[in-house]
Amino acid sequence: MPFRSKGAPAVVINEQGEGVHGTAEGYLDLLVDNRGDYKEKIATFVIRNFMSAQPINELTQVSKTPDSPETPDFAKELLEDNVTSTDEDLDQEPPF
């Protein structure tokens, strides 16, 4: 989206260069271009305040090999008991 700014926000954005990350506060300015029967509306974001920030991927460290918790032995036993159930009455009744 095209933007424009002046004053302190323009200086900060200019110093940071291309690809700057941050939070901008401002408003949308609509320019109406009359082309006969067709009106083209061009939106420009006017920056009034700007605060630079670091990209999120530089702030957080992502683990490449996440450690998944191991299932406890008692939970494995409960799961095996439920899977190998031979009680037909329990199998036929709905769980609710």
PDB file of N, CA and C in Angstrom:
ATOM      1  N   MET A   1       0.853  -1.165   0.000  1.00  0.00           N
ATOM      2  CA  MET A   1       0.000   0.000   0.000  1.00  0.00           C
ATOM      3  C   MET A   1       0.901   1.230   0.000  1.00  0.00           C
ATOM      4  N   PRO A   2       0.623   2.163  -0.846  1.00  0.00           N
ATOM      5  CA  PRO A   2       1.416   3.386  -0.835  1.00  0.00           C
ATOM      6  C   PRO A   2       1.209   4.156   0.470  1.00  0.00           C
ATOM      7  N   PHE A   3       2.275   4.799   0.923  1.00  0.00           N
ATOM      8  CA  PHE A   3       2.177   5.588   2.154  1.00  0.00           C
ATOM      9  C   PHE A   3       2.973   6.867   1.981  1.00  0.00           C
ATOM     10  N   ARG A   4       2.708   7.792   2.878  1.00  0.00           N
ATOM     11  CA  ARG A   4       3.502   9.013   2.927  1.00  0.00           C
ATOM     12  C   ARG A   4       3.564   9.468   4.379  1.00  0.00           C
ATOM     13  N   SER A   5       4.610  10.181   4.675  1.00  0.00           N
ATOM     14  CA  SER A   5       4.772  10.727   6.019  1.00  0.00           C
ATOM     15  C   SER A   5       5.711  11.919   5.936  1.00  0.00           C
ATOM     16  N   LYS A   6       5.709  12.706   6.995  1.00  0.00           N
ATOM     17  CA  LYS A   6       6.646  13.822   7.085  1.00  0.00           C
ATOM     18  C   LYS A   6       6.984  14.032   8.549  1.00  0.00           C
ATOM     19  N   GLY A   7       8.048  14.748   8.791  1.00  0.00           N
ATOM     20  CA  GLY A   7       8.469  15.005  10.166  1.00  0.00           C
ATOM     21  C   GLY A   7       9.225  13.835  10.755  1.00  0.00           C
ATOM     22  N   ALA A   8       9.053  13.614  12.060  1.00  0.00           N
ATOM     23  CA  ALA A   8       9.779  12.579  12.787  1.00  0.00           C
ATOM     24  C   ALA A   8       9.523  11.166  12.241  1.00  0.00           C
ATOM     25  N   PRO A   9       8.264  10.789  11.913  1.00  0.00           N
ATOM     26  CA  PRO A   9       8.063   9.450  11.360  1.00  0.00           C
ATOM     27  C   PRO A   9       8.830   9.241  10.051  1.00  0.00           C
ATOM     28  N   ALA A  10       8.896  10.259   9.206  1.00  0.00           N
ATOM     29  CA  ALA A  10       9.620  10.134   7.945  1.00  0.00           C
ATOM     30  C   ALA A  10      11.111   9.930   8.185  1.00  0.00           C
ATOM     31  N   VAL A  11      11.663  10.612   9.184  1.00  0.00           N
ATOM     32  CA  VAL A  11      13.083  10.472   9.494  1.00  0.00           C
ATOM     33  C   VAL A  11      13.386   9.059   9.977  1.00  0.00           C
ATOM     34  N   VAL A  12      12.537   8.517  10.867  1.00  0.00           N
ATOM     35  CA  VAL A  12      12.747   7.171  11.408  1.00  0.00           C
ATOM     36  C   VAL A  12      12.658   6.134  10.284  1.00  0.00           C
ATOM     37  N   ILE A  13      11.649   6.240   9.455  1.00  0.00           N
ATOM     38  CA  ILE A  13      11.474   5.273   8.366  1.00  0.00           C
ATOM     39  C   ILE A  13      12.627   5.379   7.376  1.00  0.00           C
ATOM     40  N   ASN A  14      13.080   6.582   7.076  1.00  0.00           N
ATOM     41  CA  ASN A  14      14.182   6.780   6.145  1.00  0.00           C
ATOM     42  C   ASN A  14      15.484   6.207   6.707  1.00  0.00           C
ATOM     43  N   GLU A  15      15.732   6.382   8.011  1.00  0.00           N
ATOM     44  CA  GLU A  15      16.951   5.855   8.641  1.00  0.00           C
ATOM     45  C   GLU A  15      16.958   4.331   8.664  1.00  0.00           C
ATOM     46  N   GLN A  16      15.796   3.716   8.899  1.00  0.00           N
ATOM     47  CA  GLN A  16      15.718   2.260   8.972  1.00  0.00           C
ATOM     48  C   GLN A  16      15.882   1.613   7.598  1.00  0.00           C
ATOM     49  N   GLY A  17      15.484   2.314   6.556  1.00  0.00           N
ATOM     50  CA  GLY A  17      15.655   1.787   5.206  1.00  0.00           C
ATOM     51  C   GLY A  17      14.516   0.877   4.781  1.00  0.00           C
ATOM     52  N   GLU A  18      14.759   0.181   3.684  1.00  0.00           N
ATOM     53  CA  GLU A  18      13.731  -0.686   3.100  1.00  0.00           C
ATOM     54  C   GLU A  18      13.485  -1.898   3.991  1.00  0.00           C
ATOM     55  N   GLY A  19      12.229  -2.315   4.109  1.00  0.00           N
ATOM     56  CA  GLY A  19      11.864  -3.488   4.903  1.00  0.00           C
ATOM     57  C   GLY A  19      11.801  -3.218   6.390  1.00  0.00           C
ATOM     58  N   VAL A  20      11.551  -1.991   6.780  1.00  0.00           N
ATOM     59  CA  VAL A  20      11.479  -1.637   8.187  1.00  0.00           C
ATOM     60  C   VAL A  20      10.237  -2.267   8.824  1.00  0.00           C
ATOM     61  N   HIS A  21      10.383  -2.720  10.075  1.00  0.00           N
ATOM     62  CA  HIS A  21       9.256  -3.290  10.830  1.00  0.00           C
ATOM     63  C   HIS A  21       8.885  -2.316  11.935  1.00  0.00           C
ATOM     64  N   GLY A  22       7.586  -2.191  12.167  1.00  0.00           N
ATOM     65  CA  GLY A  22       7.148  -1.312  13.236  1.00  0.00           C
ATOM     66  C   GLY A  22       5.649  -1.134  13.239  1.00  0.00           C
ATOM     67  N   THR A  23       5.207  -0.241  14.084  1.00  0.00           N
ATOM     68  CA  THR A  23       3.792   0.072  14.216  1.00  0.00           C
ATOM     69  C   THR A  23       3.572   1.497  13.745  1.00  0.00           C
ATOM     70  N   ALA A  24       2.636   1.641  12.820  1.00  0.00           N
ATOM     71  CA  ALA A  24       2.338   2.961  12.271  1.00  0.00           C
ATOM     72  C   ALA A  24       0.930   3.370  12.680  1.00  0.00           C
ATOM     73  N   GLU A  25       0.790   4.647  12.977  1.00  0.00           N
ATOM     74  CA  GLU A  25      -0.509   5.209  13.320  1.00  0.00           C
ATOM     75  C   GLU A  25      -0.793   6.334  12.335  1.00  0.00           C
ATOM     76  N   GLY A  26      -1.995   6.326  11.790  1.00  0.00           N
ATOM     77  CA  GLY A  26      -2.323   7.358  10.824  1.00  0.00           C
ATOM     78  C   GLY A  26      -3.735   7.210  10.299  1.00  0.00           C
ATOM     79  N   TYR A  27      -3.920   7.603   9.057  1.00  0.00           N
ATOM     80  CA  TYR A  27      -5.252   7.532   8.457  1.00  0.00           C
ATOM     81  C   TYR A  27      -5.115   7.258   6.964  1.00  0.00           C
ATOM     82  N   LEU A  28      -6.227   6.821   6.357  1.00  0.00           N
ATOM     83  CA  LEU A  28      -6.274   6.592   4.919  1.00  0.00           C
ATOM     84  C   LEU A  28      -6.749   7.854   4.218  1.00  0.00           C
ATOM     85  N   ASP A  29      -6.033   8.237   3.196  1.00  0.00           N
ATOM     86  CA  ASP A  29      -6.398   9.393   2.391  1.00  0.00           C
ATOM     87  C   ASP A  29      -6.828   8.874   1.024  1.00  0.00           C
ATOM     88  N   LEU A  30      -8.077   9.138   0.648  1.00  0.00           N
ATOM     89  CA  LEU A  30      -8.586   8.687  -0.648  1.00  0.00           C
ATOM     90  C   LEU A  30      -8.496   9.820  -1.662  1.00  0.00           C
ATOM     91  N   LEU A  31      -7.820   9.533  -2.758  1.00  0.00           N
ATOM     92  CA  LEU A  31      -7.732  10.466  -3.867  1.00  0.00           C
ATOM     93  C   LEU A  31      -8.636   9.925  -4.965  1.00  0.00           C
ATOM     94  N   VAL A  32      -9.595  10.723  -5.416  1.00  0.00           N
ATOM     95  CA  VAL A  32     -10.541  10.290  -6.437  1.00  0.00           C
ATOM     96  C   VAL A  32     -10.078  10.853  -7.772  1.00  0.00           C
ATOM     97  N   ASP A  33      -9.852   9.935  -8.721  1.00  0.00           N
ATOM     98  CA  ASP A  33      -9.424  10.313 -10.064  1.00  0.00           C
ATOM     99  C   ASP A  33     -10.604  10.083 -11.010  1.00  0.00           C
ATOM    100  N   ASN A  34     -11.189  11.183 -11.514  1.00  0.00           N
ATOM    101  CA  ASN A  34     -12.334  11.084 -12.426  1.00  0.00           C
ATOM    102  C   ASN A  34     -11.846  10.771 -13.836  1.00  0.00           C
ATOM    103  N   ARG A  35     -12.326   9.652 -14.375  1.00  0.00           N
ATOM    104  CA  ARG A  35     -11.982   9.264 -15.742  1.00  0.00           C
ATOM    105  C   ARG A  35     -13.278   9.060 -16.520  1.00  0.00           C
ATOM    106  N   GLY A  36     -13.936  10.118 -16.812  1.00  0.00           N
ATOM    107  CA  GLY A  36     -15.206  10.023 -17.527  1.00  0.00           C
ATOM    108  C   GLY A  36     -16.284   9.484 -16.623  1.00  0.00           C
ATOM    109  N   ASP A  37     -16.852   8.341 -17.000  1.00  0.00           N
ATOM    110  CA  ASP A  37     -17.902   7.715 -16.198  1.00  0.00           C
ATOM    111  C   ASP A  37     -17.339   6.913 -15.027  1.00  0.00           C
ATOM    112  N   TYR A  38     -16.035   6.694 -15.030  1.00  0.00           N
ATOM    113  CA  TYR A  38     -15.407   5.839 -14.013  1.00  0.00           C
ATOM    114  C   TYR A  38     -14.605   6.692 -13.035  1.00  0.00           C
ATOM    115  N   LYS A  39     -14.821   6.463 -11.741  1.00  0.00           N
ATOM    116  CA  LYS A  39     -14.064   7.151 -10.701  1.00  0.00           C
ATOM    117  C   LYS A  39     -13.124   6.138 -10.057  1.00  0.00           C
ATOM    118  N   GLU A  40     -11.832   6.383 -10.178  1.00  0.00           N
ATOM    119  CA  GLU A  40     -10.846   5.499  -9.550  1.00  0.00           C
ATOM    120  C   GLU A  40     -10.440   6.100  -8.215  1.00  0.00           C
ATOM    121  N   LYS A  41     -10.535   5.292  -7.165  1.00  0.00           N
ATOM    122  CA  LYS A  41     -10.171   5.749  -5.826  1.00  0.00           C
ATOM    123  C   LYS A  41      -8.823   5.144  -5.454  1.00  0.00           C
ATOM    124  N   ILE A  42      -7.878   6.005  -5.154  1.00  0.00           N
ATOM    125  CA  ILE A  42      -6.534   5.566  -4.794  1.00  0.00           C
ATOM    126  C   ILE A  42      -6.333   5.868  -3.312  1.00  0.00           C
ATOM    127  N   ALA A  43      -6.079   4.804  -2.534  1.00  0.00           N
ATOM    128  CA  ALA A  43      -5.879   4.951  -1.089  1.00  0.00           C
ATOM    129  C   ALA A  43      -4.392   5.088  -0.784  1.00  0.00           C
ATOM    130  N   THR A  44      -4.071   6.038   0.085  1.00  0.00           N
ATOM    131  CA  THR A  44      -2.709   6.233   0.560  1.00  0.00           C
ATOM    132  C   THR A  44      -2.753   6.313   2.077  1.00  0.00           C
ATOM    133  N   PHE A  45      -1.861   5.568   2.724  1.00  0.00           N
ATOM    134  CA  PHE A  45      -1.795   5.588   4.180  1.00  0.00           C
ATOM    135  C   PHE A  45      -0.886   6.734   4.610  1.00  0.00           C
ATOM    136  N   VAL A  46      -1.427   7.670   5.358  1.00  0.00           N
ATOM    137  CA  VAL A  46      -0.658   8.823   5.848  1.00  0.00           C
ATOM    138  C   VAL A  46      -0.203   8.498   7.265  1.00  0.00           C
ATOM    139  N   ILE A  47       1.113   8.383   7.448  1.00  0.00           N
ATOM    140  CA  ILE A  47       1.676   8.000   8.746  1.00  0.00           C
ATOM    141  C   ILE A  47       1.905   9.252   9.581  1.00  0.00           C
ATOM    142  N   ARG A  48       1.274   9.277  10.767  1.00  0.00           N
ATOM    143  CA  ARG A  48       1.447  10.407  11.685  1.00  0.00           C
ATOM    144  C   ARG A  48       2.446  10.067  12.790  1.00  0.00           C
ATOM    145  N   ASN A  49       2.437   8.808  13.246  1.00  0.00           N
ATOM    146  CA  ASN A  49       3.373   8.337  14.275  1.00  0.00           C
ATOM    147  C   ASN A  49       3.903   6.980  13.846  1.00  0.00           C
ATOM    148  N   PHE A  50       5.170   6.725  14.146  1.00  0.00           N
ATOM    149  CA  PHE A  50       5.771   5.442  13.798  1.00  0.00           C
ATOM    150  C   PHE A  50       6.730   5.024  14.897  1.00  0.00           C
ATOM    151  N   MET A  51       6.630   3.747  15.291  1.00  0.00           N
ATOM    152  CA  MET A  51       7.530   3.191  16.284  1.00  0.00           C
ATOM    153  C   MET A  51       8.162   1.939  15.687  1.00  0.00           C
ATOM    154  N   SER A  52       9.465   1.943  15.520  1.00  0.00           N
ATOM    155  CA  SER A  52      10.133   0.794  14.905  1.00  0.00           C
ATOM    156  C   SER A  52      10.209  -0.361  15.903  1.00  0.00           C
ATOM    157  N   ALA A  53      10.312  -1.573  15.360  1.00  0.00           N
ATOM    158  CA  ALA A  53      10.363  -2.779  16.178  1.00  0.00           C
ATOM    159  C   ALA A  53      11.158  -3.841  15.441  1.00  0.00           C
ATOM    160  N   GLN A  54      11.552  -4.873  16.177  1.00  0.00           N
ATOM    161  CA  GLN A  54      12.248  -6.001  15.568  1.00  0.00           C
ATOM    162  C   GLN A  54      11.215  -6.971  15.021  1.00  0.00           C
ATOM    163  N   PRO A  55      11.544  -7.692  13.950  1.00  0.00           N
ATOM    164  CA  PRO A  55      10.628  -8.726  13.458  1.00  0.00           C
ATOM    165  C   PRO A  55      10.438  -9.817  14.511  1.00  0.00           C
ATOM    166  N   ILE A  56       9.300 -10.450  14.504  1.00  0.00           N
ATOM    167  CA  ILE A  56       8.982 -11.473  15.507  1.00  0.00           C
ATOM    168  C   ILE A  56       9.965 -12.630  15.462  1.00  0.00           C
ATOM    169  N   ASN A  57      10.381 -13.048  14.261  1.00  0.00           N
ATOM    170  CA  ASN A  57      11.276 -14.202  14.180  1.00  0.00           C
ATOM    171  C   ASN A  57      12.635 -13.911  14.802  1.00  0.00           C
ATOM    172  N   GLU A  58      13.027 -12.657  14.982  1.00  0.00           N
ATOM    173  CA  GLU A  58      14.268 -12.329  15.665  1.00  0.00           C
ATOM    174  C   GLU A  58      14.076 -12.272  17.176  1.00  0.00           C
ATOM    175  N   LEU A  59      12.846 -12.078  17.638  1.00  0.00           N
ATOM    176  CA  LEU A  59      12.576 -11.979  19.067  1.00  0.00           C
ATOM    177  C   LEU A  59      12.411 -13.340  19.727  1.00  0.00           C
ATOM    178  N   THR A  60      11.902 -14.306  18.986  1.00  0.00           N
ATOM    179  CA  THR A  60      11.630 -15.625  19.557  1.00  0.00           C
ATOM    180  C   THR A  60      12.553 -16.654  18.940  1.00  0.00           C
ATOM    181  N   GLN A  61      12.928 -17.618  19.742  1.00  0.00           N
ATOM    182  CA  GLN A  61      13.732 -18.718  19.233  1.00  0.00           C
ATOM    183  C   GLN A  61      12.820 -19.926  19.087  1.00  0.00           C
ATOM    184  N   VAL A  62      12.792 -20.462  17.889  1.00  0.00           N
ATOM    185  CA  VAL A  62      11.938 -21.603  17.609  1.00  0.00           C
ATOM    186  C   VAL A  62      12.789 -22.856  17.633  1.00  0.00           C
ATOM    187  N   SER A  63      12.380 -23.821  18.420  1.00  0.00           N
ATOM    188  CA  SER A  63      13.094 -25.083  18.501  1.00  0.00           C
ATOM    189  C   SER A  63      12.795 -25.916  17.271  1.00  0.00           C
ATOM    190  N   LYS A  64      13.845 -26.415  16.636  1.00  0.00           N
ATOM    191  CA  LYS A  64      13.662 -27.210  15.426  1.00  0.00           C
ATOM    192  C   LYS A  64      13.205 -28.627  15.751  1.00  0.00           C
ATOM    193  N   THR A  65      13.576 -29.139  16.905  1.00  0.00           N
ATOM    194  CA  THR A  65      13.164 -30.489  17.304  1.00  0.00           C
ATOM    195  C   THR A  65      12.388 -30.385  18.607  1.00  0.00           C
ATOM    196  N   PRO A  66      11.080 -30.171  18.514  1.00  0.00           N
ATOM    197  CA  PRO A  66      10.305 -30.040  19.751  1.00  0.00           C
ATOM    198  C   PRO A  66      10.243 -31.376  20.492  1.00  0.00           C
ATOM    199  N   ASP A  67      10.460 -31.311  21.790  1.00  0.00           N
ATOM    200  CA  ASP A  67      10.383 -32.513  22.619  1.00  0.00           C
ATOM    201  C   ASP A  67       8.940 -32.760  23.015  1.00  0.00           C
ATOM    202  N   SER A  68       8.409 -33.891  22.579  1.00  0.00           N
ATOM    203  CA  SER A  68       7.036 -34.226  22.955  1.00  0.00           C
ATOM    204  C   SER A  68       7.084 -35.038  24.243  1.00  0.00           C
ATOM    205  N   PRO A  69       6.165 -34.767  25.146  1.00  0.00           N
ATOM    206  CA  PRO A  69       6.171 -35.502  26.413  1.00  0.00           C
ATOM    207  C   PRO A  69       5.849 -36.977  26.184  1.00  0.00           C
ATOM    208  N   GLU A  70       6.502 -37.821  26.977  1.00  0.00           N
ATOM    209  CA  GLU A  70       6.283 -39.257  26.855  1.00  0.00           C
ATOM    210  C   GLU A  70       5.033 -39.653  27.641  1.00  0.00           C
ATOM    211  N   THR A  71       4.267 -40.580  27.081  1.00  0.00           N
ATOM    212  CA  THR A  71       3.052 -41.055  27.743  1.00  0.00           C
ATOM    213  C   THR A  71       3.446 -41.905  28.951  1.00  0.00           C
ATOM    214  N   PRO A  72       2.898 -41.609  30.133  1.00  0.00           N
ATOM    215  CA  PRO A  72       3.223 -42.397  31.326  1.00  0.00           C
ATOM    216  C   PRO A  72       2.754 -43.849  31.178  1.00  0.00           C
ATOM    217  N   ASP A  73       3.406 -44.746  31.914  1.00  0.00           N
ATOM    218  CA  ASP A  73       3.096 -46.177  31.826  1.00  0.00           C
ATOM    219  C   ASP A  73       1.653 -46.473  32.222  1.00  0.00           C
ATOM    220  N   PHE A  74       1.133 -45.802  33.280  1.00  0.00           N
ATOM    221  CA  PHE A  74      -0.234 -46.095  33.709  1.00  0.00           C
ATOM    222  C   PHE A  74      -1.238 -45.698  32.626  1.00  0.00           C
ATOM    223  N   ALA A  75      -0.949 -44.638  31.859  1.00  0.00           N
ATOM    224  CA  ALA A  75      -1.856 -44.232  30.793  1.00  0.00           C
ATOM    225  C   ALA A  75      -1.815 -45.235  29.644  1.00  0.00           C
ATOM    226  N   LYS A  76      -0.635 -45.783  29.375  1.00  0.00           N
ATOM    227  CA  LYS A  76      -0.518 -46.813  28.333  1.00  0.00           C
ATOM    228  C   LYS A  76      -1.324 -48.049  28.713  1.00  0.00           C
ATOM    229  N   GLU A  77      -1.250 -48.425  30.001  1.00  0.00           N
ATOM    230  CA  GLU A  77      -1.996 -49.589  30.473  1.00  0.00           C
ATOM    231  C   GLU A  77      -3.500 -49.361  30.358  1.00  0.00           C
ATOM    232  N   LEU A  78      -3.984 -48.167  30.734  1.00  0.00           N
ATOM    233  CA  LEU A  78      -5.406 -47.854  30.625  1.00  0.00           C
ATOM    234  C   LEU A  78      -5.862 -47.908  29.168  1.00  0.00           C
ATOM    235  N   LEU A  79      -5.056 -47.394  28.287  1.00  0.00           N
ATOM    236  CA  LEU A  79      -5.388 -47.413  26.869  1.00  0.00           C
ATOM    237  C   LEU A  79      -5.466 -48.839  26.358  1.00  0.00           C
ATOM    238  N   GLU A  80      -4.511 -49.682  26.742  1.00  0.00           N
ATOM    239  CA  GLU A  80      -4.525 -51.079  26.304  1.00  0.00           C
ATOM    240  C   GLU A  80      -5.743 -51.805  26.857  1.00  0.00           C
ATOM    241  N   ASP A  81      -6.111 -51.524  28.119  1.00  0.00           N
ATOM    242  CA  ASP A  81      -7.284 -52.159  28.720  1.00  0.00           C
ATOM    243  C   ASP A  81      -8.556 -51.766  27.969  1.00  0.00           C
ATOM    244  N   ASN A  82      -8.676 -50.525  27.577  1.00  0.00           N
ATOM    245  CA  ASN A  82      -9.872 -50.074  26.870  1.00  0.00           C
ATOM    246  C   ASN A  82      -9.938 -50.618  25.447  1.00  0.00           C
ATOM    247  N   VAL A  83      -8.811 -50.744  24.806  1.00  0.00           N
ATOM    248  CA  VAL A  83      -8.785 -51.236  23.429  1.00  0.00           C
ATOM    249  C   VAL A  83      -9.103 -52.725  23.386  1.00  0.00           C
ATOM    250  N   THR A  84      -8.628 -53.466  24.374  1.00  0.00           N
ATOM    251  CA  THR A  84      -8.835 -54.918  24.380  1.00  0.00           C
ATOM    252  C   THR A  84     -10.045 -55.321  25.214  1.00  0.00           C
ATOM    253  N   SER A  85     -10.984 -54.423  25.397  1.00  0.00           N
ATOM    254  CA  SER A  85     -12.167 -54.731  26.188  1.00  0.00           C
ATOM    255  C   SER A  85     -13.011 -55.797  25.499  1.00  0.00           C
ATOM    256  N   THR A  86     -13.496 -56.774  26.298  1.00  0.00           N
ATOM    257  CA  THR A  86     -14.360 -57.825  25.760  1.00  0.00           C
ATOM    258  C   THR A  86     -15.758 -57.739  26.320  1.00  0.00           C
ATOM    259  N   ASP A  87     -16.023 -56.680  27.088  1.00  0.00           N
ATOM    260  CA  ASP A  87     -17.339 -56.509  27.690  1.00  0.00           C
ATOM    261  C   ASP A  87     -18.284 -55.934  26.628  1.00  0.00           C
ATOM    262  N   GLU A  88     -19.174 -56.748  26.114  1.00  0.00           N
ATOM    263  CA  GLU A  88     -20.060 -56.323  25.034  1.00  0.00           C
ATOM    264  C   GLU A  88     -21.084 -55.299  25.491  1.00  0.00           C
ATOM    265  N   ASP A  89     -21.488 -55.332  26.781  1.00  0.00           N
ATOM    266  CA  ASP A  89     -22.447 -54.349  27.285  1.00  0.00           C
ATOM    267  C   ASP A  89     -21.870 -52.929  27.226  1.00  0.00           C
ATOM    268  N   LEU A  90     -20.616 -52.783  27.565  1.00  0.00           N
ATOM    269  CA  LEU A  90     -19.984 -51.468  27.519  1.00  0.00           C
ATOM    270  C   LEU A  90     -19.809 -50.999  26.077  1.00  0.00           C
ATOM    271  N   ASP A  91     -19.528 -51.929  25.199  1.00  0.00           N
ATOM    272  CA  ASP A  91     -19.320 -51.560  23.811  1.00  0.00           C
ATOM    273  C   ASP A  91     -20.610 -51.101  23.134  1.00  0.00           C
ATOM    274  N   GLN A  92     -21.766 -51.595  23.581  1.00  0.00           N
ATOM    275  CA  GLN A  92     -23.033 -51.278  22.937  1.00  0.00           C
ATOM    276  C   GLN A  92     -23.647 -49.977  23.431  1.00  0.00           C
ATOM    277  N   GLU A  93     -23.335 -49.557  24.653  1.00  0.00           N
ATOM    278  CA  GLU A  93     -23.955 -48.352  25.205  1.00  0.00           C
ATOM    279  C   GLU A  93     -23.224 -47.105  24.719  1.00  0.00           C
ATOM    280  N   PRO A  94     -24.000 -46.064  24.395  1.00  0.00           N
ATOM    281  CA  PRO A  94     -23.358 -44.805  23.996  1.00  0.00           C
ATOM    282  C   PRO A  94     -22.630 -44.196  25.182  1.00  0.00           C
ATOM    283  N   PRO A  95     -21.583 -43.410  24.932  1.00  0.00           N
ATOM    284  CA  PRO A  95     -20.774 -42.862  26.022  1.00  0.00           C
ATOM    285  C   PRO A  95     -21.441 -41.706  26.761  1.00  0.00           C
ATOM    286  N   PHE A  96     -22.638 -41.300  26.381  1.00  0.00           N
ATOM    287  CA  PHE A  96     -23.282 -40.171  27.057  1.00  0.00           C
ATOM    288  C   PHE A  96     -24.562 -40.588  27.718  1.00  0.00           C
TER     289      PHE A  96
END
